[in-house]
Protein backbone atom coordinates (compact mmCIF):
# COMPACT_ATOMS: atom_id res chain seq x y z
CA MET A 1 -0.03 -0.01 0.01
CA LYS A 2 1.03 3.51 -0.59
CA ILE A 3 -0.31 6.61 1.36
CA ASP A 4 0.32 10.10 0.40
CA ILE A 5 -0.54 12.97 2.89
CA LEU A 6 -0.93 16.55 1.96
CA THR A 7 -0.19 18.94 4.61
CA LEU A 8 1.00 22.31 5.54
CA PHE A 9 3.10 21.00 8.54
CA PRO A 10 5.17 18.04 7.28
CA SER A 11 7.40 18.08 10.57
CA MET A 12 4.31 17.10 12.64
CA PHE A 13 4.84 13.50 11.14
CA ASP A 14 8.51 13.07 12.12
CA GLY A 15 7.92 11.07 15.17
CA PHE A 16 4.65 9.28 13.90
CA LEU A 17 6.74 7.62 11.00
CA ARG A 18 9.93 6.67 13.11
CA GLU A 19 8.24 4.77 16.12
CA SER A 20 6.62 1.54 16.78
CA ILE A 21 4.36 -0.34 14.23
CA ILE A 22 4.32 2.23 11.57
CA LYS A 23 8.38 2.29 11.55
CA ARG A 24 8.42 -1.44 11.29
CA ALA A 25 5.66 -1.62 8.59
CA ILE A 26 7.57 0.87 6.42
CA GLN A 27 10.98 -0.96 7.09
CA ASN A 28 9.37 -4.14 6.11
CA LYS A 29 7.96 -2.58 3.06
CA LYS A 30 4.39 -3.21 4.07
CA VAL A 31 3.42 0.48 3.26
CA SER A 32 4.97 3.44 1.82
CA ILE A 33 4.11 6.62 3.26
CA ASN A 34 4.99 10.05 1.69
CA ILE A 35 4.55 13.42 3.35
CA HIS A 36 3.92 16.36 0.82
CA ASN A 37 4.01 20.03 1.65
CA ILE A 38 1.19 21.79 -0.08
CA ARG A 39 3.25 24.77 -0.37
CA ASP A 40 5.50 23.14 -2.65
CA TYR A 41 2.79 23.02 -5.35
CA SER A 42 1.72 26.54 -5.08
CA LEU A 43 2.40 28.81 -8.24
CA ASP A 44 2.52 31.89 -6.18
CA PRO A 45 5.87 33.46 -6.10
CA HIS A 46 5.86 33.60 -2.15
CA LYS A 47 4.31 29.83 -1.96
CA LYS A 48 1.00 31.32 -0.60
CA VAL A 49 -1.79 28.73 -0.05
CA ASP A 50 -4.69 30.68 1.62
CA ASP A 51 -6.43 33.82 1.54
CA TYR A 52 -9.54 35.57 2.92
CA GLY A 53 -12.70 34.06 2.22
CA PHE A 54 -15.31 35.89 -0.08
CA GLY A 55 -18.14 37.42 1.68
CA GLY A 56 -16.24 38.00 4.98
CA GLY A 57 -15.73 35.86 7.92
CA ALA A 58 -13.04 35.11 10.47
CA GLY A 59 -9.97 33.10 9.45
CA MET A 60 -8.12 32.08 6.19
CA VAL A 61 -9.30 29.74 3.58
CA LEU A 62 -7.01 27.20 1.67
CA MET A 63 -7.06 28.03 -2.03
CA PRO A 64 -7.79 25.35 -4.70
CA GLN A 65 -4.75 25.67 -6.85
CA PRO A 66 -2.03 24.14 -4.68
CA ILE A 67 -4.19 21.28 -3.66
CA PHE A 68 -5.57 20.47 -6.99
CA SER A 69 -1.99 20.59 -8.39
CA ALA A 70 -0.78 18.25 -5.60
CA VAL A 71 -3.61 15.65 -6.04
CA GLU A 72 -3.36 15.73 -9.81
CA ALA A 73 0.57 15.08 -9.72
CA LEU A 74 0.01 12.10 -7.31
CA ARG A 75 -3.17 10.65 -8.53
CA ASN A 76 -3.35 7.50 -10.66
CA GLU A 77 -6.14 5.12 -11.59
CA ASN A 78 -5.92 3.23 -8.46
CA SER A 79 -5.86 6.22 -6.21
CA PHE A 80 -8.49 6.83 -3.50
CA VAL A 81 -8.58 10.42 -2.14
CA ILE A 82 -9.72 11.50 1.24
CA LEU A 83 -10.64 14.89 2.42
CA LEU A 84 -10.44 15.35 6.18
CA THR A 85 -13.26 17.59 7.41
CA PRO A 86 -15.71 17.67 10.42
CA GLN A 87 -18.51 17.45 7.66
CA GLY A 88 -17.39 14.10 6.46
CA ILE A 89 -18.74 10.72 7.42
CA ARG A 90 -17.67 9.63 10.86
CA TYR A 91 -14.60 7.07 10.98
CA ASN A 92 -15.22 3.62 12.33
CA GLN A 93 -13.43 0.24 12.28
CA LYS A 94 -15.47 -1.05 9.46
CA LEU A 95 -14.43 1.85 7.20
CA ALA A 96 -10.84 1.24 8.36
CA TYR A 97 -11.16 -2.45 7.11
CA GLN A 98 -12.50 -1.13 3.76
CA LEU A 99 -9.65 1.43 3.34
CA SER A 100 -6.91 -1.15 4.30
CA LYS A 101 -7.93 -3.00 0.93
CA LYS A 102 -6.86 0.03 -1.26
CA THR A 103 -3.61 0.23 -3.03
CA HIS A 104 -3.12 3.97 -3.05
CA ILE A 105 -4.60 6.39 -0.57
CA ILE A 106 -4.14 10.18 -0.84
CA ILE A 107 -5.21 12.21 2.25
CA ILE A 108 -5.95 15.89 2.23
CA CYS A 109 -5.26 17.74 5.69
CA GLY A 110 -7.22 20.86 6.02
CA HIS A 111 -6.12 23.86 8.08
CA TYR A 112 -7.11 27.43 9.03
CA GLU A 113 -10.80 28.35 8.75
CA GLY A 114 -11.25 25.74 6.07
CA PHE A 115 -10.77 25.00 2.31
CA ASP A 116 -12.33 26.35 -0.86
CA GLU A 117 -15.44 24.37 -1.69
CA ARG A 118 -14.16 23.34 -5.00
CA ILE A 119 -11.53 21.20 -3.41
CA ARG A 120 -14.47 18.86 -2.38
CA THR A 121 -14.63 17.60 -6.09
CA LEU A 122 -11.18 15.94 -5.75
CA ALA A 123 -12.22 13.70 -3.01
CA ASP A 124 -13.59 10.16 -3.16
CA MET A 125 -14.70 10.33 0.36
CA GLU A 126 -14.86 12.99 3.10
CA ILE A 127 -14.08 11.75 6.61
CA SER A 128 -14.31 13.03 10.15
CA ILE A 129 -12.69 11.27 13.18
CA GLY A 130 -15.43 12.52 15.54
CA ASP A 131 -17.81 15.47 16.41
CA PHE A 132 -15.15 17.92 17.62
CA VAL A 133 -12.95 20.44 15.71
CA LEU A 134 -9.06 20.41 15.51
CA THR A 135 -6.66 23.08 14.14
CA GLY A 136 -5.93 20.94 11.24
CA GLY A 137 -6.18 17.55 9.56
CA GLU A 138 -2.69 16.32 10.66
CA ILE A 139 -3.71 14.38 13.73
CA PRO A 140 -6.71 12.89 12.15
CA SER A 141 -4.65 11.85 9.17
CA MET A 142 -2.31 9.95 11.52
CA VAL A 143 -5.24 8.26 13.27
CA ILE A 144 -6.66 7.01 10.02
CA THR A 145 -3.07 5.90 8.66
CA ASP A 146 -2.40 4.12 11.95
CA SER A 147 -5.77 2.27 11.76
CA ILE A 148 -5.31 1.04 8.28
CA ILE A 149 -1.65 0.10 8.51
CA ARG A 150 -2.21 -2.37 11.49
CA LEU A 151 -4.84 -4.17 9.29
CA LEU A 152 -2.40 -4.90 6.46
CA ASP A 153 -1.17 -8.51 6.03
CA GLY A 154 1.99 -9.16 7.87
CA VAL A 155 2.01 -5.95 10.00
CA ILE A 156 0.54 -7.45 13.24
CA ASN A 157 -0.62 -11.00 14.19
CA SER A 158 -4.23 -11.03 12.64
CA GLU A 159 -5.68 -12.42 15.82
CA SER A 160 -4.65 -9.07 17.47
CA HIS A 161 -7.06 -7.17 15.46
CA GLU A 162 -9.73 -9.62 14.85
CA ASN A 163 -10.53 -9.44 18.56
CA ASP A 164 -10.14 -5.58 18.76
CA SER A 165 -12.77 -3.28 20.13
CA PHE A 166 -15.55 -2.42 17.51
CA ASN A 167 -15.22 -5.65 15.65
CA ASN A 168 -18.75 -7.18 15.34
CA ASN A 169 -20.17 -4.13 17.31
CA LEU A 170 -18.50 -5.21 20.51
CA LEU A 171 -15.91 -3.82 22.86
CA ASP A 172 -12.82 -5.77 23.60
CA TYR A 173 -12.72 -8.37 26.43
CA PRO A 174 -10.62 -7.68 29.56
CA VAL A 175 -6.98 -9.13 29.53
CA TYR A 176 -4.60 -10.00 32.33
CA THR A 177 -0.95 -10.98 32.80
CA LYS A 178 1.34 -11.85 35.73
CA PRO A 179 1.00 -11.82 38.73
CA VAL A 180 -2.12 -13.81 39.24
CA SER A 181 -2.81 -11.88 42.35
CA PHE A 182 -2.13 -8.28 42.52
CA ARG A 183 -3.13 -5.92 45.63
CA GLY A 184 -6.21 -8.33 46.30
CA MET A 185 -7.26 -8.17 42.61
CA GLU A 186 -7.31 -11.77 41.23
CA VAL A 187 -7.08 -13.01 37.55
CA PRO A 188 -10.40 -14.82 36.76
CA SER A 189 -9.94 -18.51 37.22
CA VAL A 190 -11.45 -19.45 33.93
CA LEU A 191 -8.36 -17.75 32.11
CA LEU A 192 -6.16 -20.08 34.19
CA SER A 193 -8.04 -23.37 33.44
CA GLY A 194 -6.75 -23.93 29.89
CA HIS A 195 -10.30 -24.88 28.69
CA HIS A 196 -10.53 -22.99 25.45
CA GLU A 197 -14.32 -23.15 25.07
CA ASN A 198 -14.87 -21.83 28.50
CA ILE A 199 -12.39 -19.02 27.87
CA ARG A 200 -13.98 -18.15 24.51
CA LYS A 201 -17.62 -18.06 26.23
CA TYR A 202 -16.32 -16.05 29.14
CA ARG A 203 -14.60 -13.47 26.71
CA LEU A 204 -17.64 -13.16 24.65
CA ASN A 205 -19.93 -12.56 27.76
CA GLU A 206 -17.49 -10.01 28.97
CA GLN A 207 -17.62 -8.27 25.58
CA LEU A 208 -21.31 -8.16 25.68
CA LYS A 209 -21.40 -6.90 29.23
CA ARG A 210 -18.89 -4.31 28.56
CA THR A 211 -20.40 -3.04 25.42
CA LYS A 212 -23.94 -2.88 27.13
CA GLU A 213 -22.46 -0.89 30.02
CA ARG A 214 -20.12 1.47 28.27
CA ARG A 215 -21.38 1.70 24.54
CA PRO A 216 -24.98 0.52 24.25
CA ASP A 217 -25.14 2.41 20.89
CA LEU A 218 -22.86 -0.19 19.31
CA LEU A 219 -25.44 -2.96 19.86
CA GLU A 220 -27.35 -2.58 16.70
CA VAL A 221 -27.55 -6.27 16.22
CA ASP A 222 -28.37 -9.14 18.60
CA HIS A 223 -25.47 -11.28 19.78
CA GLU A 224 -26.05 -14.55 21.28
CA GLU A 225 -24.56 -15.01 24.71
CA ASN A 226 -23.36 -18.49 24.83
C-alpha cells in the first residue's frame, strides 16, 4: 500500500513515522508513506496557499490551486482521495477495514478556517474522526493511517486485530498478565483453566457486558450469549 499525505506542516509527522508499528511496517515494505508540503505545489512566488474568504468571515481559507496541483501530480487510476473535514462521515473500524484494501490513498489535511469548496470535487470520500474540531487534519490523518496500517497483512498478528474493540459491534474483552494476584485483585480462574471453549464463552460474555455498560449504541444487532 502507498499513502500520500498533503499537509502544511510536514514536520508534525516525524515522530509518527519513526516509532513502533508504523516504523516497522515501512521498514518491512508493507506500506510506503510520503508526506507532501502543500506549499511546494503553489504557483504563487511566495508559496502562498491561503487567502481571505469571499463574503467576509474570520480566518483564512485554503486556495484550490495548490491542492488541485498536488492531487493531480500524485493521483493514478488506483488512487482513493480522502478529504479530512468535520463535515465528513464519521470514521470507524468498518471503514478502516475497507480502506485497508486500497492500494493507494491520498489524504488531504485541511487547516485554518477551512478550504475552498471546489476542493471537495477532488475527494472520493470525506471523513471526520469525531464530532469535534481540531486546528488541522494532521492528527486525524495519523489516526486514519495508523488504523489502516495495522490491518495490512503481515504488520501485526491477525488475531490481534480480529479481537479488537468495535469488531462485530463489541468492545474488547478484559485481559490480564502476571501476577495472578495483585493488591487483592485476582485473575479470573477461567483464564487459568486451559479450557479453550470456556475461555471463549467468558470473553464473549465480557464483551457483551462491557459494551452494554459503556457503549450500548454499538449493539445494533443481537449477539447470542453462549
